[in-house]
Structure formats: structure tokens, C-alpha cells
């Protein structure tokens, strides 16, 4: 689950997702589970975008196309 912490109460924490959905998480899950704070100290964030391709597709062409689209996307950082 990903989102912004909106409230922290005695028994639960409310997290608001990018879809504007509020999720109430028991604090025991946050204490016992793994929490990753991606933008801590940095305003840049990383997202994963799963991409499917048909069997037999030309992978270099797909890779080149995806990199071209990413480079043309406003706000997308340069990458290697």
C-alpha cells in the first residue's frame, strides 16, 4: 500500500492513497511490518510500471520505445 499518512491515532493510522482513498491501518501492522518511506529527504519518487509484450516481440525495439516515451514525459528524471 502506498500513500500519505493523514492521521495517527492511538490504535490506527489513516493513509490516503494517490487515488484519494483513505485506508485505516492498525498500528500493530505498522509496528510489526516493514514500512518504506520513499521520499524521506528527497522529493523524487520512483514508481514501477509493469509492461507486457507478446511472445516473440522484438525486445530491443520495445526497450527503445519505452525509454523514448519516458524521456518525453514531463517530470521524468534522466536515467542510465
PDB file of N, CA and C in Angstrom:
ATOM      1  N   UNK A   1       0.854  -1.157   0.000  1.00  0.00           N
ATOM      2  CA  UNK A   1       0.000   0.000   0.000  1.00  0.00           C
ATOM      3  C   UNK A   1       0.903   1.224   0.000  1.00  0.00           C
ATOM      4  N   UNK A   2       0.501   2.232  -0.761  1.00  0.00           N
ATOM      5  CA  UNK A   2       1.271   3.462  -0.833  1.00  0.00           C
ATOM      6  C   UNK A   2       0.348   4.651  -0.645  1.00  0.00           C
ATOM      7  N   UNK A   3       0.843   5.694  -0.010  1.00  0.00           N
ATOM      8  CA  UNK A   3       0.047   6.891   0.171  1.00  0.00           C
ATOM      9  C   UNK A   3       0.670   7.817   1.195  1.00  0.00           C
ATOM     10  N   UNK A   4      -0.072   8.824   1.573  1.00  0.00           N
ATOM     11  CA  UNK A   4       0.371   9.808   2.555  1.00  0.00           C
ATOM     12  C   UNK A   4      -0.351   9.581   3.875  1.00  0.00           C
ATOM     13  N   UNK A   5       0.412   9.640   4.973  1.00  0.00           N
ATOM     14  CA  UNK A   5      -0.186   9.494   6.297  1.00  0.00           C
ATOM     15  C   UNK A   5      -0.975  10.761   6.590  1.00  0.00           C
ATOM     16  N   UNK A   6      -2.250  10.598   6.911  1.00  0.00           N
ATOM     17  CA  UNK A   6      -3.120  11.740   7.211  1.00  0.00           C
ATOM     18  C   UNK A   6      -3.326  11.924   8.707  1.00  0.00           C
ATOM     19  N   UNK A   7      -3.540  10.817   9.413  1.00  0.00           N
ATOM     20  CA  UNK A   7      -3.709  10.903  10.865  1.00  0.00           C
ATOM     21  C   UNK A   7      -3.078   9.683  11.529  1.00  0.00           C
ATOM     22  N   UNK A   8      -2.556   9.905  12.725  1.00  0.00           N
ATOM     23  CA  UNK A   8      -2.039   8.811  13.544  1.00  0.00           C
ATOM     24  C   UNK A   8      -2.786   8.881  14.865  1.00  0.00           C
ATOM     25  N   UNK A   9      -3.526   7.832  15.161  1.00  0.00           N
ATOM     26  CA  UNK A   9      -4.303   7.749  16.398  1.00  0.00           C
ATOM     27  C   UNK A   9      -3.715   6.669  17.297  1.00  0.00           C
ATOM     28  N   UNK A  10      -4.320   6.485  18.443  1.00  0.00           N
ATOM     29  CA  UNK A  10      -3.837   5.520  19.426  1.00  0.00           C
ATOM     30  C   UNK A  10      -3.819   4.093  18.865  1.00  0.00           C
ATOM     31  N   UNK A  11      -4.861   3.704  18.145  1.00  0.00           N
ATOM     32  CA  UNK A  11      -4.980   2.329  17.667  1.00  0.00           C
ATOM     33  C   UNK A  11      -4.752   2.145  16.172  1.00  0.00           C
ATOM     34  N   UNK A  12      -4.849   3.236  15.391  1.00  0.00           N
ATOM     35  CA  UNK A  12      -4.746   3.088  13.946  1.00  0.00           C
ATOM     36  C   UNK A  12      -4.166   4.346  13.293  1.00  0.00           C
ATOM     37  N   UNK A  13      -3.740   4.171  12.059  1.00  0.00           N
ATOM     38  CA  UNK A  13      -3.207   5.270  11.250  1.00  0.00           C
ATOM     39  C   UNK A  13      -4.005   5.311   9.959  1.00  0.00           C
ATOM     40  N   UNK A  14      -4.371   6.517   9.509  1.00  0.00           N
ATOM     41  CA  UNK A  14      -5.107   6.665   8.250  1.00  0.00           C
ATOM     42  C   UNK A  14      -4.134   7.095   7.165  1.00  0.00           C
ATOM     43  N   UNK A  15      -4.131   6.341   6.075  1.00  0.00           N
ATOM     44  CA  UNK A  15      -3.271   6.616   4.929  1.00  0.00           C
ATOM     45  C   UNK A  15      -4.161   6.933   3.735  1.00  0.00           C
ATOM     46  N   UNK A  16      -3.845   8.017   3.027  1.00  0.00           N
ATOM     47  CA  UNK A  16      -4.602   8.399   1.835  1.00  0.00           C
ATOM     48  C   UNK A  16      -3.779   8.032   0.607  1.00  0.00           C
ATOM     49  N   UNK A  17      -4.363   7.212  -0.275  1.00  0.00           N
ATOM     50  CA  UNK A  17      -3.667   6.760  -1.471  1.00  0.00           C
ATOM     51  C   UNK A  17      -3.697   7.834  -2.550  1.00  0.00           C
ATOM     52  N   UNK A  18      -2.954   7.595  -3.617  1.00  0.00           N
ATOM     53  CA  UNK A  18      -2.951   8.516  -4.754  1.00  0.00           C
ATOM     54  C   UNK A  18      -4.307   8.585  -5.438  1.00  0.00           C
ATOM     55  N   UNK A  19      -5.145   7.577  -5.220  1.00  0.00           N
ATOM     56  CA  UNK A  19      -6.499   7.544  -5.781  1.00  0.00           C
ATOM     57  C   UNK A  19      -7.492   8.230  -4.864  1.00  0.00           C
ATOM     58  N   UNK A  20      -6.994   8.911  -3.831  1.00  0.00           N
ATOM     59  CA  UNK A  20      -7.819   9.631  -2.868  1.00  0.00           C
ATOM     60  C   UNK A  20      -8.704   8.689  -2.041  1.00  0.00           C
ATOM     61  N   UNK A  21      -8.180   7.514  -1.754  1.00  0.00           N
ATOM     62  CA  UNK A  21      -8.881   6.539  -0.929  1.00  0.00           C
ATOM     63  C   UNK A  21      -8.208   6.528   0.443  1.00  0.00           C
ATOM     64  N   UNK A  22      -8.992   6.640   1.494  1.00  0.00           N
ATOM     65  CA  UNK A  22      -8.455   6.587   2.853  1.00  0.00           C
ATOM     66  C   UNK A  22      -8.465   5.147   3.346  1.00  0.00           C
ATOM     67  N   UNK A  23      -7.326   4.687   3.815  1.00  0.00           N
ATOM     68  CA  UNK A  23      -7.185   3.325   4.318  1.00  0.00           C
ATOM     69  C   UNK A  23      -6.793   3.413   5.789  1.00  0.00           C
ATOM     70  N   UNK A  24      -7.523   2.724   6.635  1.00  0.00           N
ATOM     71  CA  UNK A  24      -7.226   2.704   8.068  1.00  0.00           C
ATOM     72  C   UNK A  24      -6.402   1.447   8.352  1.00  0.00           C
ATOM     73  N   UNK A  25      -5.196   1.663   8.858  1.00  0.00           N
ATOM     74  CA  UNK A  25      -4.270   0.567   9.118  1.00  0.00           C
ATOM     75  C   UNK A  25      -4.055   0.448  10.626  1.00  0.00           C
ATOM     76  N   UNK A  26      -4.269  -0.739  11.190  1.00  0.00           N
ATOM     77  CA  UNK A  26      -3.978  -0.912  12.617  1.00  0.00           C
ATOM     78  C   UNK A  26      -2.494  -0.636  12.874  1.00  0.00           C
ATOM     79  N   UNK A  27      -2.196   0.090  13.938  1.00  0.00           N
ATOM     80  CA  UNK A  27      -0.807   0.423  14.249  1.00  0.00           C
ATOM     81  C   UNK A  27       0.049  -0.823  14.472  1.00  0.00           C
ATOM     82  N   UNK A  28      -0.565  -1.916  14.876  1.00  0.00           N
ATOM     83  CA  UNK A  28       0.192  -3.160  15.062  1.00  0.00           C
ATOM     84  C   UNK A  28       0.823  -3.615  13.753  1.00  0.00           C
ATOM     85  N   UNK A  29       0.143  -3.363  12.618  1.00  0.00           N
ATOM     86  CA  UNK A  29       0.716  -3.725  11.320  1.00  0.00           C
ATOM     87  C   UNK A  29       1.925  -2.860  10.996  1.00  0.00           C
ATOM     88  N   UNK A  30       1.870  -1.599  11.374  1.00  0.00           N
ATOM     89  CA  UNK A  30       2.994  -0.704  11.116  1.00  0.00           C
ATOM     90  C   UNK A  30       4.176  -1.022  12.022  1.00  0.00           C
ATOM     91  N   UNK A  31       3.884  -1.447  13.250  1.00  0.00           N
ATOM     92  CA  UNK A  31       4.952  -1.772  14.197  1.00  0.00           C
ATOM     93  C   UNK A  31       5.621  -3.090  13.816  1.00  0.00           C
ATOM     94  N   UNK A  32       4.816  -4.087  13.446  1.00  0.00           N
ATOM     95  CA  UNK A  32       5.348  -5.419  13.161  1.00  0.00           C
ATOM     96  C   UNK A  32       5.766  -5.612  11.716  1.00  0.00           C
ATOM     97  N   UNK A  33       5.308  -4.738  10.823  1.00  0.00           N
ATOM     98  CA  UNK A  33       5.597  -4.896   9.407  1.00  0.00           C
ATOM     99  C   UNK A  33       6.731  -4.009   8.935  1.00  0.00           C
ATOM    100  N   UNK A  34       6.942  -4.048   7.652  1.00  0.00           N
ATOM    101  CA  UNK A  34       8.003  -3.272   7.018  1.00  0.00           C
ATOM    102  C   UNK A  34       7.398  -1.998   6.444  1.00  0.00           C
ATOM    103  N   UNK A  35       7.965  -0.845   6.794  1.00  0.00           N
ATOM    104  CA  UNK A  35       7.490   0.446   6.291  1.00  0.00           C
ATOM    105  C   UNK A  35       8.632   1.100   5.532  1.00  0.00           C
ATOM    106  N   UNK A  36       8.372   1.498   4.294  1.00  0.00           N
ATOM    107  CA  UNK A  36       9.374   2.165   3.473  1.00  0.00           C
ATOM    108  C   UNK A  36       8.921   3.595   3.236  1.00  0.00           C
ATOM    109  N   UNK A  37       9.754   4.544   3.600  1.00  0.00           N
ATOM    110  CA  UNK A  37       9.458   5.954   3.402  1.00  0.00           C
ATOM    111  C   UNK A  37      10.294   6.428   2.204  1.00  0.00           C
ATOM    112  N   UNK A  38       9.746   6.283   0.997  1.00  0.00           N
ATOM    113  CA  UNK A  38      10.495   6.585  -0.221  1.00  0.00           C
ATOM    114  C   UNK A  38      11.015   8.007  -0.293  1.00  0.00           C
ATOM    115  N   UNK A  39      10.184   9.027  -0.110  1.00  0.00           N
ATOM    116  CA  UNK A  39      10.691  10.379  -0.338  1.00  0.00           C
ATOM    117  C   UNK A  39      11.398  11.007   0.859  1.00  0.00           C
ATOM    118  N   UNK A  40      11.754  10.243   1.865  1.00  0.00           N
ATOM    119  CA  UNK A  40      12.395  10.803   3.044  1.00  0.00           C
ATOM    120  C   UNK A  40      13.671  11.526   2.630  1.00  0.00           C
ATOM    121  N   UNK A  41      13.685  12.851   2.780  1.00  0.00           N
ATOM    122  CA  UNK A  41      14.852  13.643   2.438  1.00  0.00           C
ATOM    123  C   UNK A  41      15.018  13.922   0.961  1.00  0.00           C
ATOM    124  N   UNK A  42      14.092  13.465   0.128  1.00  0.00           N
ATOM    125  CA  UNK A  42      14.201  13.664  -1.313  1.00  0.00           C
ATOM    126  C   UNK A  42      12.799  13.775  -1.892  1.00  0.00           C
ATOM    127  N   UNK A  43      12.564  14.771  -2.719  1.00  0.00           N
ATOM    128  CA  UNK A  43      11.226  14.958  -3.277  1.00  0.00           C
ATOM    129  C   UNK A  43      10.969  14.061  -4.486  1.00  0.00           C
ATOM    130  N   UNK A  44      12.002  13.404  -4.998  1.00  0.00           N
ATOM    131  CA  UNK A  44      11.829  12.494  -6.132  1.00  0.00           C
ATOM    132  C   UNK A  44      11.275  11.162  -5.648  1.00  0.00           C
ATOM    133  N   UNK A  45      10.372  10.584  -6.413  1.00  0.00           N
ATOM    134  CA  UNK A  45       9.825   9.274  -6.077  1.00  0.00           C
ATOM    135  C   UNK A  45       9.983   8.346  -7.275  1.00  0.00           C
ATOM    136  N   UNK A  46       9.958   7.068  -7.008  1.00  0.00           N
ATOM    137  CA  UNK A  46      10.104   6.069  -8.056  1.00  0.00           C
ATOM    138  C   UNK A  46       8.828   5.241  -8.103  1.00  0.00           C
ATOM    139  N   UNK A  47       8.366   4.947  -9.303  1.00  0.00           N
ATOM    140  CA  UNK A  47       7.205   4.076  -9.462  1.00  0.00           C
ATOM    141  C   UNK A  47       7.575   2.924 -10.377  1.00  0.00           C
ATOM    142  N   UNK A  48       6.901   1.820 -10.194  1.00  0.00           N
ATOM    143  CA  UNK A  48       7.092   0.657 -11.052  1.00  0.00           C
ATOM    144  C   UNK A  48       5.902   0.575 -11.999  1.00  0.00           C
ATOM    145  N   UNK A  49       6.175   0.419 -13.285  1.00  0.00           N
ATOM    146  CA  UNK A  49       5.114   0.311 -14.280  1.00  0.00           C
ATOM    147  C   UNK A  49       5.287  -1.027 -14.996  1.00  0.00           C
ATOM    148  N   UNK A  50       4.476  -2.023 -14.651  1.00  0.00           N
ATOM    149  CA  UNK A  50       4.582  -3.313 -15.335  1.00  0.00           C
ATOM    150  C   UNK A  50       4.192  -3.164 -16.810  1.00  0.00           C
ATOM    151  N   UNK A  51       4.964  -3.777 -17.677  1.00  0.00           N
ATOM    152  CA  UNK A  51       4.703  -3.712 -19.117  1.00  0.00           C
ATOM    153  C   UNK A  51       4.707  -5.135 -19.654  1.00  0.00           C
ATOM    154  N   UNK A  52       3.700  -5.455 -20.421  1.00  0.00           N
ATOM    155  CA  UNK A  52       3.634  -6.773 -21.046  1.00  0.00           C
ATOM    156  C   UNK A  52       3.940  -6.689 -22.526  1.00  0.00           C
ATOM    157  N   UNK A  53       4.457  -7.765 -23.065  1.00  0.00           N
ATOM    158  CA  UNK A  53       4.747  -7.841 -24.505  1.00  0.00           C
ATOM    159  C   UNK A  53       4.432  -9.252 -24.978  1.00  0.00           C
ATOM    160  N   UNK A  54       4.024  -9.334 -26.218  1.00  0.00           N
ATOM    161  CA  UNK A  54       3.693 -10.636 -26.794  1.00  0.00           C
ATOM    162  C   UNK A  54       4.961 -11.479 -26.968  1.00  0.00           C
ATOM    163  N   UNK A  55       4.813 -12.775 -26.835  1.00  0.00           N
ATOM    164  CA  UNK A  55       5.935 -13.667 -27.102  1.00  0.00           C
ATOM    165  C   UNK A  55       6.434 -13.424 -28.514  1.00  0.00           C
ATOM    166  N   UNK A  56       7.740 -13.417 -28.670  1.00  0.00           N
ATOM    167  CA  UNK A  56       8.329 -13.209 -29.989  1.00  0.00           C
ATOM    168  C   UNK A  56       8.516 -11.745 -30.345  1.00  0.00           C
ATOM    169  N   UNK A  57       8.128 -10.825 -29.448  1.00  0.00           N
ATOM    170  CA  UNK A  57       8.308  -9.401 -29.728  1.00  0.00           C
ATOM    171  C   UNK A  57       9.791  -9.056 -29.754  1.00  0.00           C
ATOM    172  N   UNK A  58      10.116  -8.000 -30.472  1.00  0.00           N
ATOM    173  CA  UNK A  58      11.493  -7.536 -30.574  1.00  0.00           C
ATOM    174  C   UNK A  58      11.820  -6.706 -29.329  1.00  0.00           C
ATOM    175  N   UNK A  59      12.526  -7.315 -28.373  1.00  0.00           N
ATOM    176  CA  UNK A  59      12.792  -6.654 -27.095  1.00  0.00           C
ATOM    177  C   UNK A  59      13.599  -5.360 -27.227  1.00  0.00           C
ATOM    178  N   UNK A  60      14.614  -5.289 -28.085  1.00  0.00           N
ATOM    179  CA  UNK A  60      15.319  -4.009 -28.226  1.00  0.00           C
ATOM    180  C   UNK A  60      14.395  -2.878 -28.700  1.00  0.00           C
ATOM    181  N   UNK A  61      13.455  -3.180 -29.576  1.00  0.00           N
ATOM    182  CA  UNK A  61      12.512  -2.160 -30.048  1.00  0.00           C
ATOM    183  C   UNK A  61      11.587  -1.727 -28.916  1.00  0.00           C
ATOM    184  N   UNK A  62      11.108  -2.683 -28.132  1.00  0.00           N
ATOM    185  CA  UNK A  62      10.232  -2.365 -27.005  1.00  0.00           C
ATOM    186  C   UNK A  62      10.987  -1.502 -25.997  1.00  0.00           C
ATOM    187  N   UNK A  63      12.209  -1.890 -25.660  1.00  0.00           N
ATOM    188  CA  UNK A  63      13.019  -1.131 -24.712  1.00  0.00           C
ATOM    189  C   UNK A  63      13.260   0.287 -25.215  1.00  0.00           C
ATOM    190  N   UNK A  64      13.650   0.408 -26.474  1.00  0.00           N
ATOM    191  CA  UNK A  64      13.906   1.726 -27.061  1.00  0.00           C
ATOM    192  C   UNK A  64      12.646   2.593 -27.039  1.00  0.00           C
ATOM    193  N   UNK A  65      11.501   2.003 -27.343  1.00  0.00           N
ATOM    194  CA  UNK A  65      10.230   2.733 -27.345  1.00  0.00           C
ATOM    195  C   UNK A  65       9.882   3.216 -25.941  1.00  0.00           C
ATOM    196  N   UNK A  66      10.018   2.344 -24.947  1.00  0.00           N
ATOM    197  CA  UNK A  66       9.709   2.730 -23.565  1.00  0.00           C
ATOM    198  C   UNK A  66      10.638   3.839 -23.068  1.00  0.00           C
ATOM    199  N   UNK A  67      11.919   3.747 -23.402  1.00  0.00           N
ATOM    200  CA  UNK A  67      12.866   4.788 -22.994  1.00  0.00           C
ATOM    201  C   UNK A  67      12.567   6.115 -23.687  1.00  0.00           C
ATOM    202  N   UNK A  68      12.132   6.069 -24.938  1.00  0.00           N
ATOM    203  CA  UNK A  68      11.767   7.283 -25.668  1.00  0.00           C
ATOM    204  C   UNK A  68      10.555   7.940 -25.035  1.00  0.00           C
ATOM    205  N   UNK A  69       9.548   7.134 -24.692  1.00  0.00           N
ATOM    206  CA  UNK A  69       8.340   7.669 -24.048  1.00  0.00           C
ATOM    207  C   UNK A  69       8.694   8.272 -22.691  1.00  0.00           C
ATOM    208  N   UNK A  70       9.525   7.585 -21.914  1.00  0.00           N
ATOM    209  CA  UNK A  70       9.920   8.106 -20.608  1.00  0.00           C
ATOM    210  C   UNK A  70      10.668   9.428 -20.750  1.00  0.00           C
ATOM    211  N   UNK A  71      11.570   9.515 -21.714  1.00  0.00           N
ATOM    212  CA  UNK A  71      12.346  10.745 -21.920  1.00  0.00           C
ATOM    213  C   UNK A  71      11.451  11.904 -22.340  1.00  0.00           C
ATOM    214  N   UNK A  72      10.355  11.617 -23.022  1.00  0.00           N
ATOM    215  CA  UNK A  72       9.438  12.668 -23.490  1.00  0.00           C
ATOM    216  C   UNK A  72       8.393  13.036 -22.443  1.00  0.00           C
ATOM    217  N   UNK A  73       8.379  12.320 -21.324  1.00  0.00           N
ATOM    218  CA  UNK A  73       7.393  12.569 -20.278  1.00  0.00           C
ATOM    219  C   UNK A  73       7.887  13.670 -19.344  1.00  0.00           C
ATOM    220  N   UNK A  74       7.083  14.726 -19.224  1.00  0.00           N
ATOM    221  CA  UNK A  74       7.461  15.850 -18.370  1.00  0.00           C
ATOM    222  C   UNK A  74       7.573  15.397 -16.920  1.00  0.00           C
ATOM    223  N   UNK A  75       8.655  15.771 -16.275  1.00  0.00           N
ATOM    224  CA  UNK A  75       8.872  15.425 -14.872  1.00  0.00           C
ATOM    225  C   UNK A  75       9.619  14.117 -14.664  1.00  0.00           C
ATOM    226  N   UNK A  76       9.806  13.356 -15.728  1.00  0.00           N
ATOM    227  CA  UNK A  76      10.535  12.096 -15.611  1.00  0.00           C
ATOM    228  C   UNK A  76      12.037  12.420 -15.571  1.00  0.00           C
ATOM    229  N   UNK A  77      12.738  11.858 -14.602  1.00  0.00           N
ATOM    230  CA  UNK A  77      14.160  12.134 -14.446  1.00  0.00           C
ATOM    231  C   UNK A  77      14.984  11.382 -15.478  1.00  0.00           C
ATOM    232  N   UNK A  78      16.166  11.902 -15.749  1.00  0.00           N
ATOM    233  CA  UNK A  78      17.088  11.212 -16.653  1.00  0.00           C
ATOM    234  C   UNK A  78      17.577   9.947 -15.983  1.00  0.00           C
ATOM    235  N   UNK A  79      17.819   8.929 -16.739  1.00  0.00           N
ATOM    236  CA  UNK A  79      18.277   7.662 -16.196  1.00  0.00           C
ATOM    237  C   UNK A  79      19.299   7.073 -17.139  1.00  0.00           C
ATOM    238  N   UNK A  80      20.007   6.071 -16.665  1.00  0.00           N
ATOM    239  CA  UNK A  80      21.035   5.418 -17.481  1.00  0.00           C
ATOM    240  C   UNK A  80      20.453   4.332 -18.322  1.00  0.00           C
TER     241      UNK A  80
END
